[in-house]
Amino acid sequence: MNGEHAIRLVLSGRVQGVGFRWWLAHEAAGLPVRGWVRNLPNGRVEIVAAGDEDSLRQIESLATNGPRVARVDHVEKANVPHEDVDVNSFSII
């Protein structure tokens, strides 16, 4: 994709055991993004997404708010090279 960017978000709070990964994958299915969401061993959730700036803003907004039963206390954000996102869709890993 021309004009593609990528971000990595690490979320902390009540983000595991609340359907966060499934919910985000479902929401991302309607966006032109690729990447993944996964649980980390330390209780946090990691999201890596590549797409245009508007789509990444939407992913960040979704992640910051989370599903209704989640509670996102902190978000760490970093830009990453979009070439490092070597998948063609958005999935749970």
PDB file of N, CA and C in Angstrom:
ATOM      1  N   MET A   1       0.828  -1.193   0.000  1.00  0.00           N
ATOM      2  CA  MET A   1       0.000   0.000   0.000  1.00  0.00           C
ATOM      3  C   MET A   1       0.864   1.245   0.000  1.00  0.00           C
ATOM      4  N   ASN A   2       0.516   2.191  -0.827  1.00  0.00           N
ATOM      5  CA  ASN A   2       1.211   3.459  -0.852  1.00  0.00           C
ATOM      6  C   ASN A   2       0.748   4.295   0.335  1.00  0.00           C
ATOM      7  N   GLY A   3       1.670   4.963   1.027  1.00  0.00           N
ATOM      8  CA  GLY A   3       1.293   5.763   2.178  1.00  0.00           C
ATOM      9  C   GLY A   3       0.986   4.936   3.409  1.00  0.00           C
ATOM     10  N   GLU A   4       1.487   3.734   3.442  1.00  0.00           N
ATOM     11  CA  GLU A   4       1.205   2.854   4.567  1.00  0.00           C
ATOM     12  C   GLU A   4       2.152   3.154   5.737  1.00  0.00           C
ATOM     13  N   HIS A   5       1.602   3.039   6.931  1.00  0.00           N
ATOM     14  CA  HIS A   5       2.349   3.225   8.176  1.00  0.00           C
ATOM     15  C   HIS A   5       2.044   2.034   9.073  1.00  0.00           C
ATOM     16  N   ALA A   6       2.771   1.914  10.167  1.00  0.00           N
ATOM     17  CA  ALA A   6       2.492   0.824  11.111  1.00  0.00           C
ATOM     18  C   ALA A   6       2.741   1.306  12.532  1.00  0.00           C
ATOM     19  N   ILE A   7       1.949   0.765  13.450  1.00  0.00           N
ATOM     20  CA  ILE A   7       2.093   1.100  14.867  1.00  0.00           C
ATOM     21  C   ILE A   7       2.083  -0.179  15.700  1.00  0.00           C
ATOM     22  N   ARG A   8       2.672  -0.055  16.878  1.00  0.00           N
ATOM     23  CA  ARG A   8       2.617  -1.114  17.892  1.00  0.00           C
ATOM     24  C   ARG A   8       2.031  -0.483  19.141  1.00  0.00           C
ATOM     25  N   LEU A   9       0.980  -1.097  19.659  1.00  0.00           N
ATOM     26  CA  LEU A   9       0.348  -0.637  20.887  1.00  0.00           C
ATOM     27  C   LEU A   9       0.454  -1.748  21.916  1.00  0.00           C
ATOM     28  N   VAL A  10       0.801  -1.395  23.137  1.00  0.00           N
ATOM     29  CA  VAL A  10       0.796  -2.346  24.242  1.00  0.00           C
ATOM     30  C   VAL A  10      -0.143  -1.775  25.298  1.00  0.00           C
ATOM     31  N   LEU A  11      -1.181  -2.544  25.605  1.00  0.00           N
ATOM     32  CA  LEU A  11      -2.231  -2.090  26.511  1.00  0.00           C
ATOM     33  C   LEU A  11      -2.124  -2.786  27.852  1.00  0.00           C
ATOM     34  N   SER A  12      -2.345  -2.036  28.906  1.00  0.00           N
ATOM     35  CA  SER A  12      -2.403  -2.645  30.232  1.00  0.00           C
ATOM     36  C   SER A  12      -3.720  -2.247  30.894  1.00  0.00           C
ATOM     37  N   GLY A  13      -4.103  -3.014  31.868  1.00  0.00           N
ATOM     38  CA  GLY A  13      -5.380  -2.837  32.556  1.00  0.00           C
ATOM     39  C   GLY A  13      -6.090  -4.180  32.592  1.00  0.00           C
ATOM     40  N   ARG A  14      -7.410  -4.159  32.552  1.00  0.00           N
ATOM     41  CA  ARG A  14      -8.173  -5.410  32.475  1.00  0.00           C
ATOM     42  C   ARG A  14      -8.410  -5.679  30.988  1.00  0.00           C
ATOM     43  N   VAL A  15      -7.401  -6.278  30.346  1.00  0.00           N
ATOM     44  CA  VAL A  15      -7.431  -6.472  28.899  1.00  0.00           C
ATOM     45  C   VAL A  15      -7.329  -7.941  28.495  1.00  0.00           C
ATOM     46  N   GLN A  16      -7.111  -8.825  29.440  1.00  0.00           N
ATOM     47  CA  GLN A  16      -7.109 -10.256  29.151  1.00  0.00           C
ATOM     48  C   GLN A  16      -8.285 -10.900  29.867  1.00  0.00           C
ATOM     49  N   GLY A  17      -8.852 -11.928  29.237  1.00  0.00           N
ATOM     50  CA  GLY A  17      -9.983 -12.627  29.829  1.00  0.00           C
ATOM     51  C   GLY A  17     -11.307 -11.903  29.663  1.00  0.00           C
ATOM     52  N   VAL A  18     -11.349 -10.905  28.775  1.00  0.00           N
ATOM     53  CA  VAL A  18     -12.574 -10.125  28.566  1.00  0.00           C
ATOM     54  C   VAL A  18     -12.982 -10.088  27.089  1.00  0.00           C
ATOM     55  N   GLY A  19     -12.390 -10.955  26.276  1.00  0.00           N
ATOM     56  CA  GLY A  19     -12.721 -11.003  24.857  1.00  0.00           C
ATOM     57  C   GLY A  19     -12.101  -9.893  24.025  1.00  0.00           C
ATOM     58  N   PHE A  20     -11.069  -9.264  24.546  1.00  0.00           N
ATOM     59  CA  PHE A  20     -10.471  -8.113  23.871  1.00  0.00           C
ATOM     60  C   PHE A  20      -9.943  -8.473  22.489  1.00  0.00           C
ATOM     61  N   ARG A  21      -9.194  -9.567  22.392  1.00  0.00           N
ATOM     62  CA  ARG A  21      -8.600  -9.939  21.105  1.00  0.00           C
ATOM     63  C   ARG A  21      -9.675 -10.240  20.061  1.00  0.00           C
ATOM     64  N   TRP A  22     -10.665 -11.016  20.441  1.00  0.00           N
ATOM     65  CA  TRP A  22     -11.743 -11.350  19.506  1.00  0.00           C
ATOM     66  C   TRP A  22     -12.467 -10.083  19.065  1.00  0.00           C
ATOM     67  N   TRP A  23     -12.797  -9.225  20.031  1.00  0.00           N
ATOM     68  CA  TRP A  23     -13.511  -7.987  19.739  1.00  0.00           C
ATOM     69  C   TRP A  23     -12.720  -7.112  18.769  1.00  0.00           C
ATOM     70  N   LEU A  24     -11.422  -6.931  19.032  1.00  0.00           N
ATOM     71  CA  LEU A  24     -10.630  -6.071  18.165  1.00  0.00           C
ATOM     72  C   LEU A  24     -10.491  -6.674  16.768  1.00  0.00           C
ATOM     73  N   ALA A  25     -10.285  -7.974  16.663  1.00  0.00           N
ATOM     74  CA  ALA A  25     -10.187  -8.612  15.355  1.00  0.00           C
ATOM     75  C   ALA A  25     -11.493  -8.424  14.577  1.00  0.00           C
ATOM     76  N   HIS A  26     -12.603  -8.534  15.254  1.00  0.00           N
ATOM     77  CA  HIS A  26     -13.909  -8.331  14.618  1.00  0.00           C
ATOM     78  C   HIS A  26     -14.056  -6.891  14.121  1.00  0.00           C
ATOM     79  N   GLU A  27     -13.691  -5.926  14.949  1.00  0.00           N
ATOM     80  CA  GLU A  27     -13.781  -4.515  14.575  1.00  0.00           C
ATOM     81  C   GLU A  27     -12.815  -4.172  13.439  1.00  0.00           C
ATOM     82  N   ALA A  28     -11.619  -4.746  13.480  1.00  0.00           N
ATOM     83  CA  ALA A  28     -10.609  -4.458  12.456  1.00  0.00           C
ATOM     84  C   ALA A  28     -10.963  -5.081  11.111  1.00  0.00           C
ATOM     85  N   ALA A  29     -11.821  -6.080  11.103  1.00  0.00           N
ATOM     86  CA  ALA A  29     -12.192  -6.747   9.853  1.00  0.00           C
ATOM     87  C   ALA A  29     -12.822  -5.776   8.861  1.00  0.00           C
ATOM     88  N   GLY A  30     -13.427  -4.725   9.330  1.00  0.00           N
ATOM     89  CA  GLY A  30     -14.052  -3.748   8.452  1.00  0.00           C
ATOM     90  C   GLY A  30     -13.133  -2.606   8.038  1.00  0.00           C
ATOM     91  N   LEU A  31     -11.881  -2.674   8.446  1.00  0.00           N
ATOM     92  CA  LEU A  31     -10.919  -1.612   8.131  1.00  0.00           C
ATOM     93  C   LEU A  31      -9.833  -2.128   7.194  1.00  0.00           C
ATOM     94  N   PRO A  32      -9.265  -1.255   6.376  1.00  0.00           N
ATOM     95  CA  PRO A  32      -8.162  -1.687   5.510  1.00  0.00           C
ATOM     96  C   PRO A  32      -6.835  -1.714   6.274  1.00  0.00           C
ATOM     97  N   VAL A  33      -6.730  -2.627   7.225  1.00  0.00           N
ATOM     98  CA  VAL A  33      -5.508  -2.781   8.022  1.00  0.00           C
ATOM     99  C   VAL A  33      -5.080  -4.248   7.998  1.00  0.00           C
ATOM    100  N   ARG A  34      -3.822  -4.449   8.305  1.00  0.00           N
ATOM    101  CA  ARG A  34      -3.303  -5.801   8.477  1.00  0.00           C
ATOM    102  C   ARG A  34      -2.447  -5.798   9.726  1.00  0.00           C
ATOM    103  N   GLY A  35      -2.312  -6.947  10.350  1.00  0.00           N
ATOM    104  CA  GLY A  35      -1.523  -7.039  11.563  1.00  0.00           C
ATOM    105  C   GLY A  35      -2.078  -8.097  12.481  1.00  0.00           C
ATOM    106  N   TRP A  36      -1.886  -7.884  13.786  1.00  0.00           N
ATOM    107  CA  TRP A  36      -2.321  -8.885  14.742  1.00  0.00           C
ATOM    108  C   TRP A  36      -2.545  -8.286  16.120  1.00  0.00           C
ATOM    109  N   VAL A  37      -3.220  -9.069  16.928  1.00  0.00           N
ATOM    110  CA  VAL A  37      -3.413  -8.756  18.339  1.00  0.00           C
ATOM    111  C   VAL A  37      -3.094 -10.036  19.103  1.00  0.00           C
ATOM    112  N   ARG A  38      -2.419  -9.897  20.232  1.00  0.00           N
ATOM    113  CA  ARG A  38      -2.089 -11.087  21.028  1.00  0.00           C
ATOM    114  C   ARG A  38      -1.955 -10.722  22.499  1.00  0.00           C
ATOM    115  N   ASN A  39      -2.184 -11.743  23.342  1.00  0.00           N
ATOM    116  CA  ASN A  39      -1.940 -11.599  24.773  1.00  0.00           C
ATOM    117  C   ASN A  39      -0.454 -11.754  25.029  1.00  0.00           C
ATOM    118  N   LEU A  40       0.058 -10.984  25.970  1.00  0.00           N
ATOM    119  CA  LEU A  40       1.437 -11.121  26.413  1.00  0.00           C
ATOM    120  C   LEU A  40       1.458 -11.847  27.752  1.00  0.00           C
ATOM    121  N   PRO A  41       2.537 -12.545  28.065  1.00  0.00           N
ATOM    122  CA  PRO A  41       2.610 -13.299  29.323  1.00  0.00           C
ATOM    123  C   PRO A  41       2.462 -12.432  30.577  1.00  0.00           C
ATOM    124  N   ASN A  42       2.730 -11.134  30.474  1.00  0.00           N
ATOM    125  CA  ASN A  42       2.673 -10.245  31.641  1.00  0.00           C
ATOM    126  C   ASN A  42       1.282  -9.650  31.866  1.00  0.00           C
ATOM    127  N   GLY A  43       0.257 -10.169  31.156  1.00  0.00           N
ATOM    128  CA  GLY A  43      -1.109  -9.700  31.366  1.00  0.00           C
ATOM    129  C   GLY A  43      -1.526  -8.546  30.470  1.00  0.00           C
ATOM    130  N   ARG A  44      -0.626  -8.096  29.614  1.00  0.00           N
ATOM    131  CA  ARG A  44      -0.957  -7.006  28.708  1.00  0.00           C
ATOM    132  C   ARG A  44      -1.355  -7.558  27.341  1.00  0.00           C
ATOM    133  N   VAL A  45      -1.839  -6.690  26.470  1.00  0.00           N
ATOM    134  CA  VAL A  45      -2.214  -7.059  25.106  1.00  0.00           C
ATOM    135  C   VAL A  45      -1.357  -6.231  24.152  1.00  0.00           C
ATOM    136  N   GLU A  46      -0.824  -6.888  23.119  1.00  0.00           N
ATOM    137  CA  GLU A  46      -0.023  -6.217  22.095  1.00  0.00           C
ATOM    138  C   GLU A  46      -0.799  -6.196  20.789  1.00  0.00           C
ATOM    139  N   ILE A  47      -0.775  -5.051  20.132  1.00  0.00           N
ATOM    140  CA  ILE A  47      -1.404  -4.881  18.829  1.00  0.00           C
ATOM    141  C   ILE A  47      -0.346  -4.314  17.885  1.00  0.00           C
ATOM    142  N   VAL A  48      -0.207  -4.921  16.734  1.00  0.00           N
ATOM    143  CA  VAL A  48       0.636  -4.388  15.677  1.00  0.00           C
ATOM    144  C   VAL A  48      -0.259  -4.266  14.455  1.00  0.00           C
ATOM    145  N   ALA A  49      -0.326  -3.074  13.884  1.00  0.00           N
ATOM    146  CA  ALA A  49      -1.220  -2.843  12.747  1.00  0.00           C
ATOM    147  C   ALA A  49      -0.534  -1.971  11.714  1.00  0.00           C
ATOM    148  N   ALA A  50      -0.803  -2.277  10.444  1.00  0.00           N
ATOM    149  CA  ALA A  50      -0.289  -1.493   9.327  1.00  0.00           C
ATOM    150  C   ALA A  50      -1.465  -1.078   8.451  1.00  0.00           C
ATOM    151  N   GLY A  51      -1.401   0.136   7.948  1.00  0.00           N
ATOM    152  CA  GLY A  51      -2.453   0.657   7.083  1.00  0.00           C
ATOM    153  C   GLY A  51      -2.264   2.139   6.880  1.00  0.00           C
ATOM    154  N   ASP A  52      -3.273   2.793   6.335  1.00  0.00           N
ATOM    155  CA  ASP A  52      -3.178   4.249   6.163  1.00  0.00           C
ATOM    156  C   ASP A  52      -3.385   4.933   7.517  1.00  0.00           C
ATOM    157  N   GLU A  53      -3.038   6.201   7.584  1.00  0.00           N
ATOM    158  CA  GLU A  53      -3.081   6.929   8.856  1.00  0.00           C
ATOM    159  C   GLU A  53      -4.470   6.939   9.480  1.00  0.00           C
ATOM    160  N   ASP A  54      -5.503   7.121   8.687  1.00  0.00           N
ATOM    161  CA  ASP A  54      -6.861   7.164   9.215  1.00  0.00           C
ATOM    162  C   ASP A  54      -7.255   5.820   9.834  1.00  0.00           C
ATOM    163  N   SER A  55      -6.931   4.742   9.167  1.00  0.00           N
ATOM    164  CA  SER A  55      -7.252   3.410   9.695  1.00  0.00           C
ATOM    165  C   SER A  55      -6.496   3.127  10.984  1.00  0.00           C
ATOM    166  N   LEU A  56      -5.253   3.564  11.051  1.00  0.00           N
ATOM    167  CA  LEU A  56      -4.482   3.346  12.280  1.00  0.00           C
ATOM    168  C   LEU A  56      -5.025   4.190  13.428  1.00  0.00           C
ATOM    169  N   ARG A  57      -5.504   5.396  13.127  1.00  0.00           N
ATOM    170  CA  ARG A  57      -6.151   6.208  14.171  1.00  0.00           C
ATOM    171  C   ARG A  57      -7.395   5.484  14.699  1.00  0.00           C
ATOM    172  N   GLN A  58      -8.141   4.854  13.798  1.00  0.00           N
ATOM    173  CA  GLN A  58      -9.329   4.113  14.217  1.00  0.00           C
ATOM    174  C   GLN A  58      -8.944   2.914  15.092  1.00  0.00           C
ATOM    175  N   ILE A  59      -7.904   2.192  14.711  1.00  0.00           N
ATOM    176  CA  ILE A  59      -7.439   1.058  15.531  1.00  0.00           C
ATOM    177  C   ILE A  59      -7.011   1.553  16.900  1.00  0.00           C
ATOM    178  N   GLU A  60      -6.272   2.654  16.939  1.00  0.00           N
ATOM    179  CA  GLU A  60      -5.826   3.200  18.219  1.00  0.00           C
ATOM    180  C   GLU A  60      -7.009   3.621  19.081  1.00  0.00           C
ATOM    181  N   SER A  61      -8.004   4.241  18.490  1.00  0.00           N
ATOM    182  CA  SER A  61      -9.197   4.634  19.235  1.00  0.00           C
ATOM    183  C   SER A  61      -9.938   3.413  19.771  1.00  0.00           C
ATOM    184  N   LEU A  62     -10.110   2.409  18.935  1.00  0.00           N
ATOM    185  CA  LEU A  62     -10.759   1.179  19.380  1.00  0.00           C
ATOM    186  C   LEU A  62      -9.985   0.556  20.539  1.00  0.00           C
ATOM    187  N   ALA A  63      -8.671   0.464  20.384  1.00  0.00           N
ATOM    188  CA  ALA A  63      -7.837  -0.165  21.410  1.00  0.00           C
ATOM    189  C   ALA A  63      -7.872   0.614  22.719  1.00  0.00           C
ATOM    190  N   THR A  64      -7.864   1.921  22.634  1.00  0.00           N
ATOM    191  CA  THR A  64      -7.870   2.752  23.836  1.00  0.00           C
ATOM    192  C   THR A  64      -9.168   2.595  24.618  1.00  0.00           C
ATOM    193  N   ASN A  65     -10.267   2.441  23.907  1.00  0.00           N
ATOM    194  CA  ASN A  65     -11.564   2.290  24.564  1.00  0.00           C
ATOM    195  C   ASN A  65     -11.883   0.844  24.916  1.00  0.00           C
ATOM    196  N   GLY A  66     -11.491  -0.081  24.067  1.00  0.00           N
ATOM    197  CA  GLY A  66     -11.708  -1.499  24.319  1.00  0.00           C
ATOM    198  C   GLY A  66     -13.178  -1.885  24.322  1.00  0.00           C
ATOM    199  N   PRO A  67     -13.444  -3.187  24.440  1.00  0.00           N
ATOM    200  CA  PRO A  67     -14.831  -3.633  24.573  1.00  0.00           C
ATOM    201  C   PRO A  67     -15.394  -3.182  25.923  1.00  0.00           C
ATOM    202  N   ARG A  68     -16.685  -3.234  26.041  1.00  0.00           N
ATOM    203  CA  ARG A  68     -17.348  -2.685  27.233  1.00  0.00           C
ATOM    204  C   ARG A  68     -16.843  -3.283  28.547  1.00  0.00           C
ATOM    205  N   VAL A  69     -16.512  -4.562  28.572  1.00  0.00           N
ATOM    206  CA  VAL A  69     -16.103  -5.208  29.822  1.00  0.00           C
ATOM    207  C   VAL A  69     -14.619  -5.031  30.135  1.00  0.00           C
ATOM    208  N   ALA A  70     -13.864  -4.461  29.207  1.00  0.00           N
ATOM    209  CA  ALA A  70     -12.437  -4.237  29.440  1.00  0.00           C
ATOM    210  C   ALA A  70     -12.219  -2.883  30.121  1.00  0.00           C
ATOM    211  N   ARG A  71     -11.008  -2.721  30.638  1.00  0.00           N
ATOM    212  CA  ARG A  71     -10.592  -1.430  31.196  1.00  0.00           C
ATOM    213  C   ARG A  71      -9.147  -1.207  30.766  1.00  0.00           C
ATOM    214  N   VAL A  72      -8.925  -0.228  29.930  1.00  0.00           N
ATOM    215  CA  VAL A  72      -7.580   0.084  29.450  1.00  0.00           C
ATOM    216  C   VAL A  72      -7.034   1.205  30.316  1.00  0.00           C
ATOM    217  N   ASP A  73      -6.007   0.882  31.094  1.00  0.00           N
ATOM    218  CA  ASP A  73      -5.408   1.863  31.999  1.00  0.00           C
ATOM    219  C   ASP A  73      -4.248   2.626  31.367  1.00  0.00           C
ATOM    220  N   HIS A  74      -3.534   1.962  30.476  1.00  0.00           N
ATOM    221  CA  HIS A  74      -2.337   2.595  29.902  1.00  0.00           C
ATOM    222  C   HIS A  74      -2.092   2.032  28.504  1.00  0.00           C
ATOM    223  N   VAL A  75      -1.663   2.916  27.592  1.00  0.00           N
ATOM    224  CA  VAL A  75      -1.327   2.520  26.225  1.00  0.00           C
ATOM    225  C   VAL A  75       0.082   3.013  25.915  1.00  0.00           C
ATOM    226  N   GLU A  76       0.950   2.093  25.534  1.00  0.00           N
ATOM    227  CA  GLU A  76       2.272   2.452  25.023  1.00  0.00           C
ATOM    228  C   GLU A  76       2.191   2.380  23.509  1.00  0.00           C
ATOM    229  N   LYS A  77       2.622   3.420  22.830  1.00  0.00           N
ATOM    230  CA  LYS A  77       2.540   3.461  21.372  1.00  0.00           C
ATOM    231  C   LYS A  77       3.918   3.696  20.778  1.00  0.00           C
ATOM    232  N   ALA A  78       4.201   2.970  19.703  1.00  0.00           N
ATOM    233  CA  ALA A  78       5.446   3.167  18.969  1.00  0.00           C
ATOM    234  C   ALA A  78       5.168   2.975  17.485  1.00  0.00           C
ATOM    235  N   ASN A  79       5.865   3.727  16.677  1.00  0.00           N
ATOM    236  CA  ASN A  79       5.814   3.500  15.237  1.00  0.00           C
ATOM    237  C   ASN A  79       6.781   2.377  14.906  1.00  0.00           C
ATOM    238  N   VAL A  80       6.400   1.527  13.971  1.00  0.00           N
ATOM    239  CA  VAL A  80       7.257   0.438  13.523  1.00  0.00           C
ATOM    240  C   VAL A  80       7.279   0.460  11.996  1.00  0.00           C
ATOM    241  N   PRO A  81       8.316  -0.110  11.394  1.00  0.00           N
ATOM    242  CA  PRO A  81       8.347  -0.165   9.927  1.00  0.00           C
ATOM    243  C   PRO A  81       7.209  -1.039   9.393  1.00  0.00           C
ATOM    244  N   HIS A  82       6.434  -0.526   8.462  1.00  0.00           N
ATOM    245  CA  HIS A  82       5.309  -1.299   7.948  1.00  0.00           C
ATOM    246  C   HIS A  82       5.780  -2.564   7.244  1.00  0.00           C
ATOM    247  N   GLU A  83       7.010  -2.575   6.780  1.00  0.00           N
ATOM    248  CA  GLU A  83       7.552  -3.780   6.147  1.00  0.00           C
ATOM    249  C   GLU A  83       7.673  -4.937   7.133  1.00  0.00           C
ATOM    250  N   ASP A  84       7.723  -4.629   8.423  1.00  0.00           N
ATOM    251  CA  ASP A  84       7.832  -5.668   9.452  1.00  0.00           C
ATOM    252  C   ASP A  84       6.509  -6.387   9.696  1.00  0.00           C
ATOM    253  N   VAL A  85       5.411  -5.834   9.211  1.00  0.00           N
ATOM    254  CA  VAL A  85       4.093  -6.447   9.376  1.00  0.00           C
ATOM    255  C   VAL A  85       3.865  -7.320   8.147  1.00  0.00           C
ATOM    256  N   ASP A  86       4.302  -8.575   8.262  1.00  0.00           N
ATOM    257  CA  ASP A  86       4.349  -9.448   7.088  1.00  0.00           C
ATOM    258  C   ASP A  86       3.146 -10.385   6.993  1.00  0.00           C
ATOM    259  N   VAL A  87       1.975  -9.861   7.265  1.00  0.00           N
ATOM    260  CA  VAL A  87       0.732 -10.616   7.110  1.00  0.00           C
ATOM    261  C   VAL A  87      -0.199  -9.818   6.202  1.00  0.00           C
ATOM    262  N   ASN A  88      -1.192 -10.500   5.641  1.00  0.00           N
ATOM    263  CA  ASN A  88      -2.080  -9.834   4.691  1.00  0.00           C
ATOM    264  C   ASN A  88      -3.447  -9.478   5.252  1.00  0.00           C
ATOM    265  N   SER A  89      -3.709  -9.847   6.501  1.00  0.00           N
ATOM    266  CA  SER A  89      -5.000  -9.551   7.120  1.00  0.00           C
ATOM    267  C   SER A  89      -4.752  -9.214   8.588  1.00  0.00           C
ATOM    268  N   PHE A  90      -5.816  -8.990   9.329  1.00  0.00           N
ATOM    269  CA  PHE A  90      -5.699  -8.724  10.763  1.00  0.00           C
ATOM    270  C   PHE A  90      -6.198  -9.954  11.511  1.00  0.00           C
ATOM    271  N   SER A  91      -5.389 -10.477  12.406  1.00  0.00           N
ATOM    272  CA  SER A  91      -5.759 -11.722  13.065  1.00  0.00           C
ATOM    273  C   SER A  91      -5.313 -11.759  14.520  1.00  0.00           C
ATOM    274  N   ILE A  92      -5.765 -12.777  15.198  1.00  0.00           N
ATOM    275  CA  ILE A  92      -5.371 -13.066  16.571  1.00  0.00           C
ATOM    276  C   ILE A  92      -4.234 -14.081  16.509  1.00  0.00           C
ATOM    277  N   ILE A  93      -3.141 -13.787  17.202  1.00  0.00           N
ATOM    278  CA  ILE A  93      -2.050 -14.772  17.262  1.00  0.00           C
ATOM    279  C   ILE A  93      -1.765 -15.150  18.691  1.00  0.00           C
TER     280      ILE A  93
END
